[in-house]
């Protein structure tokens, strides 16, 4: 694995040096690229991505009445362990609260052991879903949690905003750039900070409603048409 990662970095440096111009999917990525590879910012343009999930007609799937939503891969920098550790206290105090994990494959033995040790295994479920089903999960979740240590962009943030789901996000890398004021941010190294912020969104319905409204407005800043135009330019 180390050898493969080293080759990838070497090839990336080669391509960065050879490229006439570079498109970065966020300003955060552009800044990292310039710092790590020592290239001029004039060589890099930022073109944000978009999401069409909010335009899809949701397809219902059986879900608990109240649940927190986690989407995508759970390994390494995705910070899944901190998320479930931070949410475990809330699940313990509220027997009706659940966690749904959309995509990312079945739980690994290590993940199952973690959930067992936290005594929440019976209320954490993993689901393989279609885009239409994912839209339904966003629309009916108490909140979407994105605890990643690092993301180059973070399309799930756009998915959640466009589907009217309140967001709790880590405060690192590109995530504040994408979600703007439409998220509650937490320190992705602090379980206690996540627990506190998560509790505030669950208990304060006015705050949750405000986040949905801000997310709807924020999502209008991103479109595939704009992405295509800026890429062409």
Foldseek 3Di string as FASTA:
>chain_A
DVVVVVVVVVVVLVCVVPDQAEEAQFVLRLVCCCVVNVDDSVRYDHFHAADDLLVAAADEDDDQQAEEEEEEADDDQQLNLLVCLLCLVVCVVPVSYAYEYEDNDDDDPVRCVSCVVSVRNVRYYYDHDDSNNVLVCLLRYLAYERLGPEDSADHVLLSNLSSLHQYEYAPDGCVCVQLPPLHHYFHSVDSNRSNVVVVCSNVDVVVSNVSSVSSPVSSVVHDVVSSVVVVVD
